[in-house]
Amino acid sequence: RPPSLSKIQHIQAFIIGYVDGDGSIFTTSRNTLVFSMLGTYPLLRWIKSFLDEQFPCDHPSNITSKYEYTGEYRIEGKRARAIIDALNKIQVPKLQRKWYIK
């Protein structure tokens, strides 16, 4: 379930930790940056809602359901770069292999 956090900096720190555990940041063979997370639908919907509010986009990203209660939330391209750059500025420990990409 989504945590009951209200402060933006706490939500950002939670998302960073979540990506460290159940997320991926990578570049495709076509040089497209991808920001992706796996999880339960309610949690991914909560993360999506926060990111949509903080980083609006004219073509919204979607949660792809793999099973009834789980799925993948994936953002690509310039919006992924903006989110990653913003979250990288948050002063919390991060897994270097995930967050420090070229």
PDB file of N, CA and C in Angstrom:
ATOM      1  N   ARG A   1       0.829  -1.193   0.000  1.00  0.00           N
ATOM      2  CA  ARG A   1       0.000   0.000   0.000  1.00  0.00           C
ATOM      3  C   ARG A   1       0.868   1.250   0.000  1.00  0.00           C
ATOM      4  N   PRO A   2       0.332   2.321  -0.527  1.00  0.00           N
ATOM      5  CA  PRO A   2       1.075   3.583  -0.495  1.00  0.00           C
ATOM      6  C   PRO A   2       1.277   4.052   0.945  1.00  0.00           C
ATOM      7  N   PRO A   3       2.412   4.661   1.219  1.00  0.00           N
ATOM      8  CA  PRO A   3       2.635   5.204   2.560  1.00  0.00           C
ATOM      9  C   PRO A   3       1.804   6.466   2.760  1.00  0.00           C
ATOM     10  N   SER A   4       1.566   6.817   3.997  1.00  0.00           N
ATOM     11  CA  SER A   4       0.825   8.061   4.266  1.00  0.00           C
ATOM     12  C   SER A   4       1.837   9.166   4.547  1.00  0.00           C
ATOM     13  N   LEU A   5       2.390   9.687   3.474  1.00  0.00           N
ATOM     14  CA  LEU A   5       3.362  10.783   3.537  1.00  0.00           C
ATOM     15  C   LEU A   5       2.716  12.013   2.927  1.00  0.00           C
ATOM     16  N   SER A   6       3.010  13.173   3.496  1.00  0.00           N
ATOM     17  CA  SER A   6       2.429  14.391   2.939  1.00  0.00           C
ATOM     18  C   SER A   6       3.476  15.410   2.496  1.00  0.00           C
ATOM     19  N   LYS A   7       4.647  15.387   3.097  1.00  0.00           N
ATOM     20  CA  LYS A   7       5.693  16.333   2.709  1.00  0.00           C
ATOM     21  C   LYS A   7       6.371  15.876   1.421  1.00  0.00           C
ATOM     22  N   ILE A   8       6.546  16.824   0.518  1.00  0.00           N
ATOM     23  CA  ILE A   8       7.130  16.508  -0.788  1.00  0.00           C
ATOM     24  C   ILE A   8       8.493  15.844  -0.646  1.00  0.00           C
ATOM     25  N   GLN A   9       9.340  16.349   0.248  1.00  0.00           N
ATOM     26  CA  GLN A   9      10.680  15.778   0.382  1.00  0.00           C
ATOM     27  C   GLN A   9      10.637  14.344   0.903  1.00  0.00           C
ATOM     28  N   HIS A  10       9.634  14.001   1.703  1.00  0.00           N
ATOM     29  CA  HIS A  10       9.497  12.622   2.185  1.00  0.00           C
ATOM     30  C   HIS A  10       9.032  11.702   1.054  1.00  0.00           C
ATOM     31  N   ILE A  11       8.125  12.195   0.242  1.00  0.00           N
ATOM     32  CA  ILE A  11       7.650  11.405  -0.905  1.00  0.00           C
ATOM     33  C   ILE A  11       8.788  11.176  -1.892  1.00  0.00           C
ATOM     34  N   GLN A  12       9.567  12.220  -2.148  1.00  0.00           N
ATOM     35  CA  GLN A  12      10.708  12.082  -3.052  1.00  0.00           C
ATOM     36  C   GLN A  12      11.700  11.054  -2.522  1.00  0.00           C
ATOM     37  N   ALA A  13      12.013  11.115  -1.234  1.00  0.00           N
ATOM     38  CA  ALA A  13      12.941  10.160  -0.630  1.00  0.00           C
ATOM     39  C   ALA A  13      12.379   8.739  -0.716  1.00  0.00           C
ATOM     40  N   PHE A  14      11.081   8.589  -0.504  1.00  0.00           N
ATOM     41  CA  PHE A  14      10.451   7.272  -0.620  1.00  0.00           C
ATOM     42  C   PHE A  14      10.607   6.733  -2.038  1.00  0.00           C
ATOM     43  N   ILE A  15      10.340   7.565  -3.038  1.00  0.00           N
ATOM     44  CA  ILE A  15      10.445   7.123  -4.433  1.00  0.00           C
ATOM     45  C   ILE A  15      11.872   6.726  -4.762  1.00  0.00           C
ATOM     46  N   ILE A  16      12.835   7.476  -4.288  1.00  0.00           N
ATOM     47  CA  ILE A  16      14.242   7.126  -4.517  1.00  0.00           C
ATOM     48  C   ILE A  16      14.537   5.745  -3.940  1.00  0.00           C
ATOM     49  N   GLY A  17      14.137   5.522  -2.704  1.00  0.00           N
ATOM     50  CA  GLY A  17      14.346   4.218  -2.085  1.00  0.00           C
ATOM     51  C   GLY A  17      13.599   3.111  -2.807  1.00  0.00           C
ATOM     52  N   TYR A  18      12.413   3.414  -3.290  1.00  0.00           N
ATOM     53  CA  TYR A  18      11.629   2.417  -4.012  1.00  0.00           C
ATOM     54  C   TYR A  18      12.315   2.029  -5.319  1.00  0.00           C
ATOM     55  N   VAL A  19      12.835   3.021  -6.021  1.00  0.00           N
ATOM     56  CA  VAL A  19      13.563   2.737  -7.261  1.00  0.00           C
ATOM     57  C   VAL A  19      14.809   1.906  -6.961  1.00  0.00           C
ATOM     58  N   ASP A  20      15.503   2.214  -5.869  1.00  0.00           N
ATOM     59  CA  ASP A  20      16.670   1.419  -5.488  1.00  0.00           C
ATOM     60  C   ASP A  20      16.299  -0.051  -5.316  1.00  0.00           C
ATOM     61  N   GLY A  21      15.110  -0.319  -4.788  1.00  0.00           N
ATOM     62  CA  GLY A  21      14.706  -1.696  -4.539  1.00  0.00           C
ATOM     63  C   GLY A  21      13.980  -2.349  -5.701  1.00  0.00           C
ATOM     64  N   ASP A  22      13.006  -1.669  -6.276  1.00  0.00           N
ATOM     65  CA  ASP A  22      12.141  -2.283  -7.288  1.00  0.00           C
ATOM     66  C   ASP A  22      12.047  -1.466  -8.570  1.00  0.00           C
ATOM     67  N   GLY A  23      13.087  -0.719  -8.874  1.00  0.00           N
ATOM     68  CA  GLY A  23      13.049   0.103 -10.067  1.00  0.00           C
ATOM     69  C   GLY A  23      14.287  -0.050 -10.918  1.00  0.00           C
ATOM     70  N   SER A  24      14.233   0.577 -12.070  1.00  0.00           N
ATOM     71  CA  SER A  24      15.356   0.556 -13.013  1.00  0.00           C
ATOM     72  C   SER A  24      15.488   1.914 -13.675  1.00  0.00           C
ATOM     73  N   ILE A  25      16.705   2.298 -13.935  1.00  0.00           N
ATOM     74  CA  ILE A  25      17.006   3.469 -14.747  1.00  0.00           C
ATOM     75  C   ILE A  25      18.029   2.993 -15.756  1.00  0.00           C
ATOM     76  N   PHE A  26      17.683   3.102 -17.036  1.00  0.00           N
ATOM     77  CA  PHE A  26      18.596   2.594 -18.066  1.00  0.00           C
ATOM     78  C   PHE A  26      18.354   3.308 -19.386  1.00  0.00           C
ATOM     79  N   THR A  27      19.267   3.098 -20.308  1.00  0.00           N
ATOM     80  CA  THR A  27      19.148   3.646 -21.647  1.00  0.00           C
ATOM     81  C   THR A  27      18.958   2.492 -22.622  1.00  0.00           C
ATOM     82  N   THR A  28      17.992   2.620 -23.508  1.00  0.00           N
ATOM     83  CA  THR A  28      17.728   1.573 -24.493  1.00  0.00           C
ATOM     84  C   THR A  28      18.774   1.607 -25.595  1.00  0.00           C
ATOM     85  N   SER A  29      18.715   0.616 -26.467  1.00  0.00           N
ATOM     86  CA  SER A  29      19.642   0.570 -27.600  1.00  0.00           C
ATOM     87  C   SER A  29      19.432   1.739 -28.556  1.00  0.00           C
ATOM     88  N   ARG A  30      18.263   2.372 -28.487  1.00  0.00           N
ATOM     89  CA  ARG A  30      17.974   3.550 -29.320  1.00  0.00           C
ATOM     90  C   ARG A  30      18.306   4.840 -28.580  1.00  0.00           C
ATOM     91  N   ASN A  31      19.022   4.714 -27.448  1.00  0.00           N
ATOM     92  CA  ASN A  31      19.486   5.839 -26.642  1.00  0.00           C
ATOM     93  C   ASN A  31      18.340   6.610 -25.982  1.00  0.00           C
ATOM     94  N   THR A  32      17.268   5.907 -25.626  1.00  0.00           N
ATOM     95  CA  THR A  32      16.138   6.499 -24.922  1.00  0.00           C
ATOM     96  C   THR A  32      16.286   6.189 -23.442  1.00  0.00           C
ATOM     97  N   LEU A  33      16.209   7.203 -22.607  1.00  0.00           N
ATOM     98  CA  LEU A  33      16.307   7.017 -21.167  1.00  0.00           C
ATOM     99  C   LEU A  33      14.980   6.483 -20.633  1.00  0.00           C
ATOM    100  N   VAL A  34      15.049   5.477 -19.760  1.00  0.00           N
ATOM    101  CA  VAL A  34      13.861   4.842 -19.193  1.00  0.00           C
ATOM    102  C   VAL A  34      13.952   4.868 -17.672  1.00  0.00           C
ATOM    103  N   PHE A  35      12.852   5.248 -17.038  1.00  0.00           N
ATOM    104  CA  PHE A  35      12.686   5.269 -15.578  1.00  0.00           C
ATOM    105  C   PHE A  35      11.507   4.344 -15.306  1.00  0.00           C
ATOM    106  N   SER A  36      11.755   3.218 -14.627  1.00  0.00           N
ATOM    107  CA  SER A  36      10.744   2.183 -14.513  1.00  0.00           C
ATOM    108  C   SER A  36      10.674   1.624 -13.095  1.00  0.00           C
ATOM    109  N   MET A  37       9.457   1.240 -12.672  1.00  0.00           N
ATOM    110  CA  MET A  37       9.250   0.626 -11.354  1.00  0.00           C
ATOM    111  C   MET A  37       8.244  -0.510 -11.482  1.00  0.00           C
ATOM    112  N   LEU A  38       8.442  -1.550 -10.699  1.00  0.00           N
ATOM    113  CA  LEU A  38       7.495  -2.655 -10.601  1.00  0.00           C
ATOM    114  C   LEU A  38       6.852  -2.610  -9.229  1.00  0.00           C
ATOM    115  N   GLY A  39       5.587  -3.003  -9.146  1.00  0.00           N
ATOM    116  CA  GLY A  39       4.951  -3.023  -7.840  1.00  0.00           C
ATOM    117  C   GLY A  39       3.465  -3.261  -7.907  1.00  0.00           C
ATOM    118  N   THR A  40       2.820  -3.058  -6.774  1.00  0.00           N
ATOM    119  CA  THR A  40       1.378  -3.213  -6.726  1.00  0.00           C
ATOM    120  C   THR A  40       0.718  -2.024  -7.419  1.00  0.00           C
ATOM    121  N   TYR A  41      -0.439  -2.274  -7.964  1.00  0.00           N
ATOM    122  CA  TYR A  41      -1.144  -1.210  -8.672  1.00  0.00           C
ATOM    123  C   TYR A  41      -1.433  -0.006  -7.777  1.00  0.00           C
ATOM    124  N   PRO A  42      -1.914  -0.185  -6.531  1.00  0.00           N
ATOM    125  CA  PRO A  42      -2.175   0.994  -5.694  1.00  0.00           C
ATOM    126  C   PRO A  42      -0.915   1.828  -5.428  1.00  0.00           C
ATOM    127  N   LEU A  43       0.213   1.181  -5.207  1.00  0.00           N
ATOM    128  CA  LEU A  43       1.445   1.927  -4.945  1.00  0.00           C
ATOM    129  C   LEU A  43       1.922   2.645  -6.201  1.00  0.00           C
ATOM    130  N   LEU A  44       1.898   1.964  -7.338  1.00  0.00           N
ATOM    131  CA  LEU A  44       2.327   2.601  -8.580  1.00  0.00           C
ATOM    132  C   LEU A  44       1.408   3.753  -8.957  1.00  0.00           C
ATOM    133  N   ARG A  45       0.110   3.606  -8.714  1.00  0.00           N
ATOM    134  CA  ARG A  45      -0.838   4.690  -8.996  1.00  0.00           C
ATOM    135  C   ARG A  45      -0.536   5.903  -8.116  1.00  0.00           C
ATOM    136  N   TRP A  46      -0.170   5.665  -6.852  1.00  0.00           N
ATOM    137  CA  TRP A  46       0.193   6.749  -5.929  1.00  0.00           C
ATOM    138  C   TRP A  46       1.455   7.468  -6.413  1.00  0.00           C
ATOM    139  N   ILE A  47       2.478   6.704  -6.819  1.00  0.00           N
ATOM    140  CA  ILE A  47       3.716   7.301  -7.341  1.00  0.00           C
ATOM    141  C   ILE A  47       3.421   8.074  -8.621  1.00  0.00           C
ATOM    142  N   LYS A  48       2.648   7.481  -9.519  1.00  0.00           N
ATOM    143  CA  LYS A  48       2.291   8.140 -10.777  1.00  0.00           C
ATOM    144  C   LYS A  48       1.579   9.465 -10.514  1.00  0.00           C
ATOM    145  N   SER A  49       0.649   9.466  -9.582  1.00  0.00           N
ATOM    146  CA  SER A  49      -0.092  10.676  -9.252  1.00  0.00           C
ATOM    147  C   SER A  49       0.857  11.782  -8.796  1.00  0.00           C
ATOM    148  N   PHE A  50       1.799  11.441  -7.936  1.00  0.00           N
ATOM    149  CA  PHE A  50       2.771  12.426  -7.456  1.00  0.00           C
ATOM    150  C   PHE A  50       3.638  12.938  -8.610  1.00  0.00           C
ATOM    151  N   LEU A  51       4.176  12.021  -9.420  1.00  0.00           N
ATOM    152  CA  LEU A  51       5.054  12.445 -10.520  1.00  0.00           C
ATOM    153  C   LEU A  51       4.292  13.235 -11.577  1.00  0.00           C
ATOM    154  N   ASP A  52       3.034  12.875 -11.837  1.00  0.00           N
ATOM    155  CA  ASP A  52       2.224  13.643 -12.796  1.00  0.00           C
ATOM    156  C   ASP A  52       1.997  15.067 -12.298  1.00  0.00           C
ATOM    157  N   GLU A  53       1.827  15.206 -10.995  1.00  0.00           N
ATOM    158  CA  GLU A  53       1.625  16.539 -10.417  1.00  0.00           C
ATOM    159  C   GLU A  53       2.914  17.356 -10.437  1.00  0.00           C
ATOM    160  N   GLN A  54       4.032  16.744 -10.096  1.00  0.00           N
ATOM    161  CA  GLN A  54       5.310  17.450 -10.013  1.00  0.00           C
ATOM    162  C   GLN A  54       5.971  17.650 -11.377  1.00  0.00           C
ATOM    163  N   PHE A  55       5.731  16.732 -12.305  1.00  0.00           N
ATOM    164  CA  PHE A  55       6.354  16.766 -13.630  1.00  0.00           C
ATOM    165  C   PHE A  55       5.282  16.533 -14.698  1.00  0.00           C
ATOM    166  N   PRO A  56       4.424  17.530 -14.915  1.00  0.00           N
ATOM    167  CA  PRO A  56       3.326  17.348 -15.875  1.00  0.00           C
ATOM    168  C   PRO A  56       3.849  17.038 -17.278  1.00  0.00           C
ATOM    169  N   CYS A  57       3.017  16.343 -18.018  1.00  0.00           N
ATOM    170  CA  CYS A  57       3.401  15.949 -19.367  1.00  0.00           C
ATOM    171  C   CYS A  57       2.175  16.002 -20.264  1.00  0.00           C
ATOM    172  N   ASP A  58       2.367  16.374 -21.532  1.00  0.00           N
ATOM    173  CA  ASP A  58       1.236  16.446 -22.450  1.00  0.00           C
ATOM    174  C   ASP A  58       0.806  15.064 -22.957  1.00  0.00           C
ATOM    175  N   HIS A  59       1.641  14.072 -22.799  1.00  0.00           N
ATOM    176  CA  HIS A  59       1.252  12.694 -23.121  1.00  0.00           C
ATOM    177  C   HIS A  59       1.587  11.827 -21.907  1.00  0.00           C
ATOM    178  N   PRO A  60       0.572  11.625 -21.040  1.00  0.00           N
ATOM    179  CA  PRO A  60       0.808  10.966 -19.754  1.00  0.00           C
ATOM    180  C   PRO A  60       1.323   9.544 -19.887  1.00  0.00           C
ATOM    181  N   SER A  61       2.100   9.141 -18.904  1.00  0.00           N
ATOM    182  CA  SER A  61       2.608   7.781 -18.851  1.00  0.00           C
ATOM    183  C   SER A  61       1.534   6.874 -18.256  1.00  0.00           C
ATOM    184  N   ASN A  62       1.691   5.589 -18.450  1.00  0.00           N
ATOM    185  CA  ASN A  62       0.701   4.635 -17.987  1.00  0.00           C
ATOM    186  C   ASN A  62       1.325   3.569 -17.109  1.00  0.00           C
ATOM    187  N   ILE A  63       0.480   2.930 -16.333  1.00  0.00           N
ATOM    188  CA  ILE A  63       0.878   1.755 -15.574  1.00  0.00           C
ATOM    189  C   ILE A  63       0.402   0.565 -16.391  1.00  0.00           C
ATOM    190  N   THR A  64       1.321  -0.314 -16.749  1.00  0.00           N
ATOM    191  CA  THR A  64       0.977  -1.502 -17.506  1.00  0.00           C
ATOM    192  C   THR A  64       0.760  -2.645 -16.530  1.00  0.00           C
ATOM    193  N   SER A  65      -0.413  -3.220 -16.530  1.00  0.00           N
ATOM    194  CA  SER A  65      -0.701  -4.323 -15.618  1.00  0.00           C
ATOM    195  C   SER A  65      -0.106  -5.615 -16.145  1.00  0.00           C
ATOM    196  N   LYS A  66       0.646  -6.297 -15.284  1.00  0.00           N
ATOM    197  CA  LYS A  66       1.150  -7.619 -15.627  1.00  0.00           C
ATOM    198  C   LYS A  66       0.204  -8.682 -15.085  1.00  0.00           C
ATOM    199  N   TYR A  67      -0.338  -8.432 -13.937  1.00  0.00           N
ATOM    200  CA  TYR A  67      -1.302  -9.322 -13.294  1.00  0.00           C
ATOM    201  C   TYR A  67      -2.406  -8.428 -12.742  1.00  0.00           C
ATOM    202  N   GLU A  68      -3.352  -9.006 -12.060  1.00  0.00           N
ATOM    203  CA  GLU A  68      -4.470  -8.210 -11.577  1.00  0.00           C
ATOM    204  C   GLU A  68      -4.041  -7.125 -10.594  1.00  0.00           C
ATOM    205  N   TYR A  69      -3.059  -7.412  -9.749  1.00  0.00           N
ATOM    206  CA  TYR A  69      -2.688  -6.469  -8.692  1.00  0.00           C
ATOM    207  C   TYR A  69      -1.272  -5.912  -8.818  1.00  0.00           C
ATOM    208  N   THR A  70      -0.566  -6.264  -9.841  1.00  0.00           N
ATOM    209  CA  THR A  70       0.804  -5.764  -9.984  1.00  0.00           C
ATOM    210  C   THR A  70       0.997  -5.190 -11.374  1.00  0.00           C
ATOM    211  N   GLY A  71       2.081  -4.453 -11.526  1.00  0.00           N
ATOM    212  CA  GLY A  71       2.335  -3.872 -12.828  1.00  0.00           C
ATOM    213  C   GLY A  71       3.678  -3.191 -12.912  1.00  0.00           C
ATOM    214  N   GLU A  72       3.855  -2.476 -13.999  1.00  0.00           N
ATOM    215  CA  GLU A  72       5.072  -1.702 -14.238  1.00  0.00           C
ATOM    216  C   GLU A  72       4.659  -0.280 -14.567  1.00  0.00           C
ATOM    217  N   TYR A  73       5.361   0.663 -13.975  1.00  0.00           N
ATOM    218  CA  TYR A  73       5.183   2.076 -14.291  1.00  0.00           C
ATOM    219  C   TYR A  73       6.461   2.514 -14.971  1.00  0.00           C
ATOM    220  N   ARG A  74       6.340   3.045 -16.182  1.00  0.00           N
ATOM    221  CA  ARG A  74       7.508   3.348 -16.999  1.00  0.00           C
ATOM    222  C   ARG A  74       7.361   4.733 -17.611  1.00  0.00           C
ATOM    223  N   ILE A  75       8.432   5.512 -17.511  1.00  0.00           N
ATOM    224  CA  ILE A  75       8.481   6.846 -18.105  1.00  0.00           C
ATOM    225  C   ILE A  75       9.735   6.882 -18.971  1.00  0.00           C
ATOM    226  N   GLU A  76       9.630   7.483 -20.146  1.00  0.00           N
ATOM    227  CA  GLU A  76      10.769   7.506 -21.066  1.00  0.00           C
ATOM    228  C   GLU A  76      11.066   8.919 -21.543  1.00  0.00           C
ATOM    229  N   GLY A  77      12.270   9.086 -22.060  1.00  0.00           N
ATOM    230  CA  GLY A  77      12.659  10.308 -22.749  1.00  0.00           C
ATOM    231  C   GLY A  77      12.946  11.495 -21.856  1.00  0.00           C
ATOM    232  N   LYS A  78      12.551  12.683 -22.349  1.00  0.00           N
ATOM    233  CA  LYS A  78      12.869  13.939 -21.660  1.00  0.00           C
ATOM    234  C   LYS A  78      12.234  14.017 -20.279  1.00  0.00           C
ATOM    235  N   ARG A  79      11.026  13.506 -20.155  1.00  0.00           N
ATOM    236  CA  ARG A  79      10.362  13.539 -18.849  1.00  0.00           C
ATOM    237  C   ARG A  79      11.115  12.648 -17.854  1.00  0.00           C
ATOM    238  N   ALA A  80      11.569  11.490 -18.298  1.00  0.00           N
ATOM    239  CA  ALA A  80      12.365  10.611 -17.431  1.00  0.00           C
ATOM    240  C   ALA A  80      13.627  11.342 -16.983  1.00  0.00           C
ATOM    241  N   ARG A  81      14.271  12.031 -17.895  1.00  0.00           N
ATOM    242  CA  ARG A  81      15.496  12.776 -17.563  1.00  0.00           C
ATOM    243  C   ARG A  81      15.197  13.850 -16.523  1.00  0.00           C
ATOM    244  N   ALA A  82      14.106  14.579 -16.697  1.00  0.00           N
ATOM    245  CA  ALA A  82      13.752  15.648 -15.751  1.00  0.00           C
ATOM    246  C   ALA A  82      13.497  15.074 -14.356  1.00  0.00           C
ATOM    247  N   ILE A  83      12.792  13.960 -14.282  1.00  0.00           N
ATOM    248  CA  ILE A  83      12.501  13.336 -12.992  1.00  0.00           C
ATOM    249  C   ILE A  83      13.777  12.831 -12.335  1.00  0.00           C
ATOM    250  N   ILE A  84      14.593  12.134 -13.090  1.00  0.00           N
ATOM    251  CA  ILE A  84      15.841  11.590 -12.551  1.00  0.00           C
ATOM    252  C   ILE A  84      16.756  12.710 -12.079  1.00  0.00           C
ATOM    253  N   ASP A  85      16.894  13.764 -12.877  1.00  0.00           N
ATOM    254  CA  ASP A  85      17.747  14.891 -12.476  1.00  0.00           C
ATOM    255  C   ASP A  85      17.241  15.538 -11.189  1.00  0.00           C
ATOM    256  N   ALA A  86      15.930  15.702 -11.082  1.00  0.00           N
ATOM    257  CA  ALA A  86      15.363  16.318  -9.876  1.00  0.00           C
ATOM    258  C   ALA A  86      15.562  15.423  -8.652  1.00  0.00           C
ATOM    259  N   LEU A  87      15.321  14.138  -8.793  1.00  0.00           N
ATOM    260  CA  LEU A  87      15.477  13.233  -7.660  1.00  0.00           C
ATOM    261  C   LEU A  87      16.947  13.053  -7.271  1.00  0.00           C
ATOM    262  N   ASN A  88      17.835  13.177  -8.234  1.00  0.00           N
ATOM    263  CA  ASN A  88      19.262  13.083  -7.929  1.00  0.00           C
ATOM    264  C   ASN A  88      19.735  14.229  -7.042  1.00  0.00           C
ATOM    265  N   LYS A  89      19.016  15.345  -7.048  1.00  0.00           N
ATOM    266  CA  LYS A  89      19.385  16.493  -6.215  1.00  0.00           C
ATOM    267  C   LYS A  89      18.993  16.303  -4.751  1.00  0.00           C
ATOM    268  N   ILE A  90      18.131  15.344  -4.477  1.00  0.00           N
ATOM    269  CA  ILE A  90      17.688  15.082  -3.104  1.00  0.00           C
ATOM    270  C   ILE A  90      18.828  14.405  -2.352  1.00  0.00           C
ATOM    271  N   GLN A  91      19.163  14.948  -1.205  1.00  0.00           N
ATOM    272  CA  GLN A  91      20.311  14.468  -0.433  1.00  0.00           C
ATOM    273  C   GLN A  91      19.934  13.283   0.462  1.00  0.00           C
ATOM    274  N   VAL A  92      19.797  12.120  -0.164  1.00  0.00           N
ATOM    275  CA  VAL A  92      19.600  10.857   0.541  1.00  0.00           C
ATOM    276  C   VAL A  92      20.513   9.826  -0.125  1.00  0.00           C
ATOM    277  N   PRO A  93      20.861   8.768   0.580  1.00  0.00           N
ATOM    278  CA  PRO A  93      21.690   7.731  -0.056  1.00  0.00           C
ATOM    279  C   PRO A  93      20.955   7.105  -1.245  1.00  0.00           C
ATOM    280  N   LYS A  94      21.720   6.830  -2.303  1.00  0.00           N
ATOM    281  CA  LYS A  94      21.173   6.214  -3.514  1.00  0.00           C
ATOM    282  C   LYS A  94      22.140   5.137  -3.994  1.00  0.00           C
ATOM    283  N   LEU A  95      21.610   4.112  -4.639  1.00  0.00           N
ATOM    284  CA  LEU A  95      22.474   3.113  -5.258  1.00  0.00           C
ATOM    285  C   LEU A  95      23.123   3.730  -6.488  1.00  0.00           C
ATOM    286  N   GLN A  96      24.422   3.846  -6.450  1.00  0.00           N
ATOM    287  CA  GLN A  96      25.134   4.502  -7.537  1.00  0.00           C
ATOM    288  C   GLN A  96      24.876   3.819  -8.883  1.00  0.00           C
ATOM    289  N   ARG A  97      24.783   2.502  -8.889  1.00  0.00           N
ATOM    290  CA  ARG A  97      24.588   1.791 -10.157  1.00  0.00           C
ATOM    291  C   ARG A  97      23.239   2.108 -10.804  1.00  0.00           C
ATOM    292  N   LYS A  98      22.292   2.604 -10.030  1.00  0.00           N
ATOM    293  CA  LYS A  98      20.992   2.950 -10.609  1.00  0.00           C
ATOM    294  C   LYS A  98      20.863   4.425 -10.955  1.00  0.00           C
ATOM    295  N   TRP A  99      21.380   5.296 -10.124  1.00  0.00           N
ATOM    296  CA  TRP A  99      21.092   6.728 -10.255  1.00  0.00           C
ATOM    297  C   TRP A  99      22.129   7.520 -11.035  1.00  0.00           C
ATOM    298  N   TYR A 100      23.331   7.042 -11.141  1.00  0.00           N
ATOM    299  CA  TYR A 100      24.373   7.844 -11.778  1.00  0.00           C
ATOM    300  C   TYR A 100      24.629   7.324 -13.182  1.00  0.00           C
ATOM    301  N   ILE A 101      23.790   7.797 -14.099  1.00  0.00           N
ATOM    302  CA  ILE A 101      23.854   7.381 -15.500  1.00  0.00           C
ATOM    303  C   ILE A 101      24.386   8.535 -16.332  1.00  0.00           C
ATOM    304  N   LYS A 102      24.810   8.209 -17.511  1.00  0.00           N
ATOM    305  CA  LYS A 102      25.346   9.241 -18.410  1.00  0.00           C
ATOM    306  C   LYS A 102      24.266   9.823 -19.263  1.00  0.00           C
TER     307      LYS A 102
END
